[in-house]
Every structure is written in structure tokens, then in C-alpha cells.
């Protein structure tokens, strides 16, 4: 069941080169047990693979909506950062259009 208080990151309006770094920055800011909703117009399988590769065993990826033109994915932190993760360069998540706090 979707929690409507979770932050949403709608990357449909974010420039493509900034999408993955934005999601990584948001994910890295999560505490264990926290999550956000990723919104996209296509299935972001390459992003999922990159997250799994660079943050192994730290996340859960759950499709809430998986339809042509609309993907809503709950990304949850299930383990803490180990401290040696590679970083992707990005602006702080709150500085990028497309992120909103749910109500």
C-alpha cells in the first residue's frame, strides 16, 4: 500500500543527464526504513541496475504502477550506506524541479 506522505521524485521533466545522479542523491539521503516514490514515463531498468550495482543489498525496488507512459516505483532503503560507495555528481535533491513532498 502506498504511503501518501512519501516524497515523490518525478523525473519526467528533469534533464536526462541529471536523472540518475538525482535519484542516487535522494537514495543516499534516506535512513534505513525510509523510501520515496520515483515517477517516470518509461521503465527505468538501467537506473535500477545501476543502483543495485553501486548500492548492493541496500535497496528495495517495488513497482506500484507499471503501465505504458506511467511508472511509479517505491524505492526503499533496507540497509545503511557502507561508506565506500561511489558518488554520482548531482545538485542537492531539493534544488531540482520535479521533487515534491506528498501530503
C-alpha atoms as a PDB file:
ATOM      1  CA  UNK A   1       0.000   0.000   0.000  1.00  0.00           C
ATOM      2  CA  UNK A   2       1.325   3.421  -0.941  1.00  0.00           C
ATOM      3  CA  UNK A   3       2.096   5.946   1.790  1.00  0.00           C
ATOM      4  CA  UNK A   4       0.889   9.367   0.603  1.00  0.00           C
ATOM      5  CA  UNK A   5       3.374  11.138   2.914  1.00  0.00           C
ATOM      6  CA  UNK A   6       6.340   9.865   0.946  1.00  0.00           C
ATOM      7  CA  UNK A   7       8.364  12.255  -1.115  1.00  0.00           C
ATOM      8  CA  UNK A   8       7.894  11.927  -4.857  1.00  0.00           C
ATOM      9  CA  UNK A   9      10.604  12.410  -7.448  1.00  0.00           C
ATOM     10  CA  UNK A  10       9.101  12.991 -10.872  1.00  0.00           C
ATOM     11  CA  UNK A  11      11.987  12.727 -13.312  1.00  0.00           C
ATOM     12  CA  UNK A  12       9.872  13.179 -16.443  1.00  0.00           C
ATOM     13  CA  UNK A  13      10.757  16.898 -16.522  1.00  0.00           C
ATOM     14  CA  UNK A  14      14.383  16.512 -15.375  1.00  0.00           C
ATOM     15  CA  UNK A  15      17.140  16.628 -18.000  1.00  0.00           C
ATOM     16  CA  UNK A  16      18.281  13.094 -18.798  1.00  0.00           C
ATOM     17  CA  UNK A  17      21.909  13.566 -17.651  1.00  0.00           C
ATOM     18  CA  UNK A  18      20.671  14.690 -14.215  1.00  0.00           C
ATOM     19  CA  UNK A  19      18.170  11.882 -13.576  1.00  0.00           C
ATOM     20  CA  UNK A  20      20.440   9.137 -12.233  1.00  0.00           C
ATOM     21  CA  UNK A  21      22.550  11.481 -10.067  1.00  0.00           C
ATOM     22  CA  UNK A  22      19.347  12.977  -8.654  1.00  0.00           C
ATOM     23  CA  UNK A  23      17.941   9.583  -7.706  1.00  0.00           C
ATOM     24  CA  UNK A  24      21.271   8.492  -6.195  1.00  0.00           C
ATOM     25  CA  UNK A  25      21.466  11.688  -4.115  1.00  0.00           C
ATOM     26  CA  UNK A  26      17.945  11.165  -2.821  1.00  0.00           C
ATOM     27  CA  UNK A  27      18.551   7.479  -2.113  1.00  0.00           C
ATOM     28  CA  UNK A  28      21.800   8.196  -0.270  1.00  0.00           C
ATOM     29  CA  UNK A  29      19.968  10.708   1.951  1.00  0.00           C
ATOM     30  CA  UNK A  30      17.458   8.072   3.117  1.00  0.00           C
ATOM     31  CA  UNK A  31      17.677   6.428   6.511  1.00  0.00           C
ATOM     32  CA  UNK A  32      17.060   2.681   6.783  1.00  0.00           C
ATOM     33  CA  UNK A  33      13.302   2.120   6.505  1.00  0.00           C
ATOM     34  CA  UNK A  34      12.648   5.342   4.560  1.00  0.00           C
ATOM     35  CA  UNK A  35      11.540   5.454   0.943  1.00  0.00           C
ATOM     36  CA  UNK A  36      10.452   7.717  -1.897  1.00  0.00           C
ATOM     37  CA  UNK A  37       8.281   7.324  -4.970  1.00  0.00           C
ATOM     38  CA  UNK A  38      10.039   7.564  -8.332  1.00  0.00           C
ATOM     39  CA  UNK A  39       7.818   8.696 -11.226  1.00  0.00           C
ATOM     40  CA  UNK A  40       8.870   8.205 -14.836  1.00  0.00           C
ATOM     41  CA  UNK A  41       7.342   7.825 -18.306  1.00  0.00           C
ATOM     42  CA  UNK A  42       9.289   4.629 -19.070  1.00  0.00           C
ATOM     43  CA  UNK A  43      10.583   1.662 -17.099  1.00  0.00           C
ATOM     44  CA  UNK A  44      13.922   2.845 -15.642  1.00  0.00           C
ATOM     45  CA  UNK A  45      15.561  -0.588 -15.718  1.00  0.00           C
ATOM     46  CA  UNK A  46      19.081   0.834 -16.378  1.00  0.00           C
ATOM     47  CA  UNK A  47      18.733   3.015 -13.253  1.00  0.00           C
ATOM     48  CA  UNK A  48      17.580   0.011 -11.228  1.00  0.00           C
ATOM     49  CA  UNK A  49      20.606  -1.967 -12.424  1.00  0.00           C
ATOM     50  CA  UNK A  50      22.961   0.898 -11.622  1.00  0.00           C
ATOM     51  CA  UNK A  51      21.510   1.288  -8.122  1.00  0.00           C
ATOM     52  CA  UNK A  52      21.763  -2.462  -7.467  1.00  0.00           C
ATOM     53  CA  UNK A  53      25.343  -2.464  -8.745  1.00  0.00           C
ATOM     54  CA  UNK A  54      26.539   0.609  -6.835  1.00  0.00           C
ATOM     55  CA  UNK A  55      24.402   0.121  -3.686  1.00  0.00           C
ATOM     56  CA  UNK A  56      24.273  -3.696  -3.426  1.00  0.00           C
ATOM     57  CA  UNK A  57      21.785  -5.150  -0.948  1.00  0.00           C
ATOM     58  CA  UNK A  58      20.797  -1.655   0.244  1.00  0.00           C
ATOM     59  CA  UNK A  59      17.504  -1.109  -1.576  1.00  0.00           C
ATOM     60  CA  UNK A  60      14.104  -2.473  -2.405  1.00  0.00           C
ATOM     61  CA  UNK A  61      12.527  -1.560  -5.783  1.00  0.00           C
ATOM     62  CA  UNK A  62       8.748  -2.026  -5.893  1.00  0.00           C
ATOM     63  CA  UNK A  63       6.587  -1.187  -8.894  1.00  0.00           C
ATOM     64  CA  UNK A  64       3.349   0.498  -7.787  1.00  0.00           C
ATOM     65  CA  UNK A  65       2.194   1.373 -11.320  1.00  0.00           C
ATOM     66  CA  UNK A  66       3.711  -0.227 -14.408  1.00  0.00           C
ATOM     67  CA  UNK A  67       1.784   0.979 -17.453  1.00  0.00           C
ATOM     68  CA  UNK A  68       2.771   2.462 -20.816  1.00  0.00           C
ATOM     69  CA  UNK A  69       3.774   6.073 -20.167  1.00  0.00           C
ATOM     70  CA  UNK A  70       3.447   5.848 -16.354  1.00  0.00           C
ATOM     71  CA  UNK A  71       5.757   4.149 -13.893  1.00  0.00           C
ATOM     72  CA  UNK A  72       5.544   4.721 -10.139  1.00  0.00           C
ATOM     73  CA  UNK A  73       8.212   2.897  -8.178  1.00  0.00           C
ATOM     74  CA  UNK A  74       8.717   2.791  -4.435  1.00  0.00           C
ATOM     75  CA  UNK A  75      12.452   2.887  -3.699  1.00  0.00           C
ATOM     76  CA  UNK A  76      13.245   1.941  -0.095  1.00  0.00           C
ATOM     77  CA  UNK A  77      16.490   1.816   1.867  1.00  0.00           C
ATOM     78  CA  UNK A  78      16.823  -1.573   3.569  1.00  0.00           C
ATOM     79  CA  UNK A  79      20.465  -1.305   4.721  1.00  0.00           C
ATOM     80  CA  UNK A  80      22.790   1.583   5.587  1.00  0.00           C
ATOM     81  CA  UNK A  81      25.490   3.004   3.340  1.00  0.00           C
ATOM     82  CA  UNK A  82      28.737   1.114   3.831  1.00  0.00           C
ATOM     83  CA  UNK A  83      30.878   4.239   3.483  1.00  0.00           C
ATOM     84  CA  UNK A  84      32.875   3.308   0.387  1.00  0.00           C
ATOM     85  CA  UNK A  85      30.171   3.909  -2.228  1.00  0.00           C
ATOM     86  CA  UNK A  86      30.988   5.786  -5.406  1.00  0.00           C
ATOM     87  CA  UNK A  87      29.075   9.038  -5.779  1.00  0.00           C
ATOM     88  CA  UNK A  88      27.393  10.465  -8.849  1.00  0.00           C
ATOM     89  CA  UNK A  89      27.608  14.249  -9.148  1.00  0.00           C
ATOM     90  CA  UNK A  90      24.258  15.987  -8.718  1.00  0.00           C
ATOM     91  CA  UNK A  91      22.618  19.051  -7.290  1.00  0.00           C
ATOM     92  CA  UNK A  92      21.009  18.555  -3.880  1.00  0.00           C
ATOM     93  CA  UNK A  93      17.611  16.871  -4.442  1.00  0.00           C
ATOM     94  CA  UNK A  94      15.665  19.805  -3.035  1.00  0.00           C
ATOM     95  CA  UNK A  95      17.282  22.123  -5.602  1.00  0.00           C
ATOM     96  CA  UNK A  96      15.904  20.234  -8.600  1.00  0.00           C
ATOM     97  CA  UNK A  97      12.492  20.710 -10.171  1.00  0.00           C
ATOM     98  CA  UNK A  98      10.433  17.545 -10.019  1.00  0.00           C
ATOM     99  CA  UNK A  99      10.645  16.751  -6.310  1.00  0.00           C
ATOM    100  CA  UNK A 100       7.670  17.392  -4.115  1.00  0.00           C
ATOM    101  CA  UNK A 101       6.693  16.406  -0.619  1.00  0.00           C
ATOM    102  CA  UNK A 102       3.491  14.347  -0.573  1.00  0.00           C
ATOM    103  CA  UNK A 103       0.612  15.129   1.731  1.00  0.00           C
END
